[in-house]
Structure formats: structure tokens, C-alpha cells
């Protein structure tokens, strides 16, 4: 069969034949033919994985490999699998297309009722697909152990994946960034700015409801896009193990930055995920805030109803003044005796949040950049925010946001897109074009390259990634 893959010579801005020869040899690529087309600024390479010496490639002179994709193809037996290769021309302000409307996921595929502590997921097609994968995964574990291949060599079926990497999943949660940031910028008082930052952090939750698994980013993978008229987001996978990505969102009056380390804890029929790390917001007037994010819990991975809940507490800390915002997700307001004599009446996306003074709280630093503030018995609620994060917010009983009336900004291209951008991954490109077989092949190739890179890093570097 013929398979096509891509990789980037990002580390070789100018490449001589000897340099390219060395690079290809170290990565165990054995070439049979190489074509370079200056007119299209592309390189097409045919290779096999046989352990033979790399042929002489002295005919390649020094060339500028900036923005160049190498299309790699190998062939075996009679079955042919051919992909058209063409240079991708990306233009400033081009819409980055996505088939799914992720902002509608909460409304379309989840049920909620008063008194529920969690949402019920209703897309049975996705649930059945994921459960069949688990059975196949268990089977592959046994086979790999029997033949000594190891669990890490198991590739998950493409059918359970979203058409996004974890990096552009992050960017999608910020599609209302400008709405809340513009509100915050217009406020004179730092406590009022904090209120809108809290609303922004809460607004991300209804954009986090998809059950499809995002692709794990490769070390060095990036994503960059414009969000609306004024904001631009930049994200890079900066660590392989543990998996960490850093982000930067620029607005003329605000800089938002930080890192996240997604961690998932699984049990027999459930999974709990949390992104460790902090968000920071810096305003031109000197106001600075630090934020944490909540955990998400899912039950029914193997059997029973699929349930999803977000119940933890998160915080927005004023780094300049004596204020802290406390966001309680899905709290039970009935009190000790109320829990005995009455039923819970709130929805699972109910929240209450408020701003108080840090001096009226007990501070605790926790692991992995997490922190918490516990209010003392006597504390003042300066501003209160309540609502259901899937539908509406209220500040001091005034509705300030409604999902069905909100504007979600599209993600569009910046003036220059790095070749390492996750939207250019060959497996994701194939999956978005509904070519699942091709996407599965490309995913396997990229995973093998990633394993080789990790092996090289462990051999030649003392630092861990």
C-alpha cells in the first residue's frame, strides 16, 4: 500500500546535502527518490522503512526550507493508497473551518432537570462507538503483552476522535473572549474588572462539553488564530511528559497568558479531568489577576447512563489589591437541615460566585500551582454573580449574559501560520475531509515519529520533556 505523511524541517532553515543526509539517517528514513520543486516550494520524497543505507543525495544543493512541507510516501504490495499532494496556501483572515458547532453541544446532546447533580449525555452513537473501542483496547493490550510490544504501542481507533487537537480545543473555549474583556476594560474599579474576568472563566464551561476525544498534541505543535477583531491566541505544546501547553492571548488593552497541564484520573466506570496551572490577566492600567480552572467528572464510560458534572470551586485572585473572586459550581444551598427535609431544586450548571476581601479569607497554596481561599465566618460579599453557566449569568440580580443571544467569534488565520500548526496535521486534515482510513494511517505514522523523537531526546538530553 502507499501511505503519505508529512514532517517539517523546522530545525534546518538552510539545508545542505550532508546536513539533510545526516537528519534523514538519524530518523531512520531510507530514500529511493527525492524531488524538489522550487515553483511550488515543496519537496516530495519517496521512501521505504527497510534498513538500508541512505542513497547519495548530493544533487540537492542548499535550499531555503521555510514554509516547506515534505510529502513522504512509501509503497508495498499491490494495494495502492494515493493522496494528492499540494502546497497549502493560507491567507490572512481565512476562516478556520470546523464542522461541529461546539457552542451548541450542551443544548443539543445533554439533558438536565431541577435537582440533578449532573447532566445526562444523549448521543448514543458516540457512546456506543467509545464503548466498542474499550473492548478492542483491552484485546490489544493482551495481544501486545503476549508479543512483547508493550501497551504504549497501542493506537486508538480514529472513530472516537474529534477533528481538533487539544490546542484548538483550548482556543474554542475563548470564542467569547472579546465580549467579556471589553466589558472588563471599560470598568474603572479593579473589583468590577475582576467580576468580568470571573464571567469569562465561567463562560468557558459550556464550550467544554464535547465527548469526542481531541488529538494529543505533539511536542512543538502549535496553534495560532485571531479571535474576533482585536484578539489573537498563540498556543504551543511545550512538554511531552507531563503534557503541558503554554498559551498567550493578546488584546490591545489586555495580555492573558499561562499554561495548562491536563490530568485525567480513571476508575472502572468513570473519569475525572483537571487542568493544572494558572491563567494570568494583565491590564494596561496595572490590574493583574490569577485564575484557576475547575475539574470535570464523567460517569458511565463502560455501562449505565453517561453523566457529566462540574462541581468544584475555582478562584480569581487580584494580584494588586485586596480582592478575591470565589466561584462555586453546582453548590447545594439547602444547608445542613435543608438537605434532610427538602429536595435540591437547582440545575447541574447552577453556580454562585462572589468577590470578597483576601484579608477576610484563609489562603492555602496547593500542588501544581493550585490555591484556595476559604472565607472566614464574617466576610463581606462585595459583588455577587449567579446563574446557570449553560444559559445565563446575573451580576447583582441583573442579567448580563445569555447564551442564545451571545455572539461567538470565529477563529481565523493570522498573517503567518507556522508549519507546526495543529490544523495542518495530516491526520486531522484527513479526518476533517471524512477520510477515516487515511486519517488512521497518518495518525499511526505521526505516533511512530513521536516515539522515535522521544527516544532520541532521552539518549541525547539530560532534561525531561
Foldseek 3Di string as FASTA:
>chain_A
DKFKFKDAVPVPQKDAQVRVLVVCVLLQWAFDDKDADPVQLEIETETDNDNDHHDRDNVDGIDGNALYIYIYMYDDDDDDDDDDDGRDDAAAFAFDDDDDDLLCLCVPFWDKAFQDQWIFGHPVVLLVVLQVQVVVLVVVQVVCVVVVNHSLLDDGAPVLAGLAAVQVLVVQLCLCVVVLCVQLVPDDDLQSSLVSVVLSQLLSVSSPPDRRHHHYAFQQFKAWWARPDFKIKIKGFHAVVQTKMKMWMDGPFKIKIKMWRWDWDDDDFKIKIATFIWIWMAGPVGKIKIKGHFMKIWGGSNHDTIIIATFQKMKIDTPPFFKIKIKGASDQPLPDVRVVVHGGGHIRQKIKMFMWGQVQWDKDADPRRGIDTHGDPDIDGPWMWIDGSSAFIDIVNHTDDGSVPDDGTTTTDHRDDHCSHRCNQQLSVCVSVVNSVSSSSSVSVVSVSSVSVQVVCVVPHPDHD
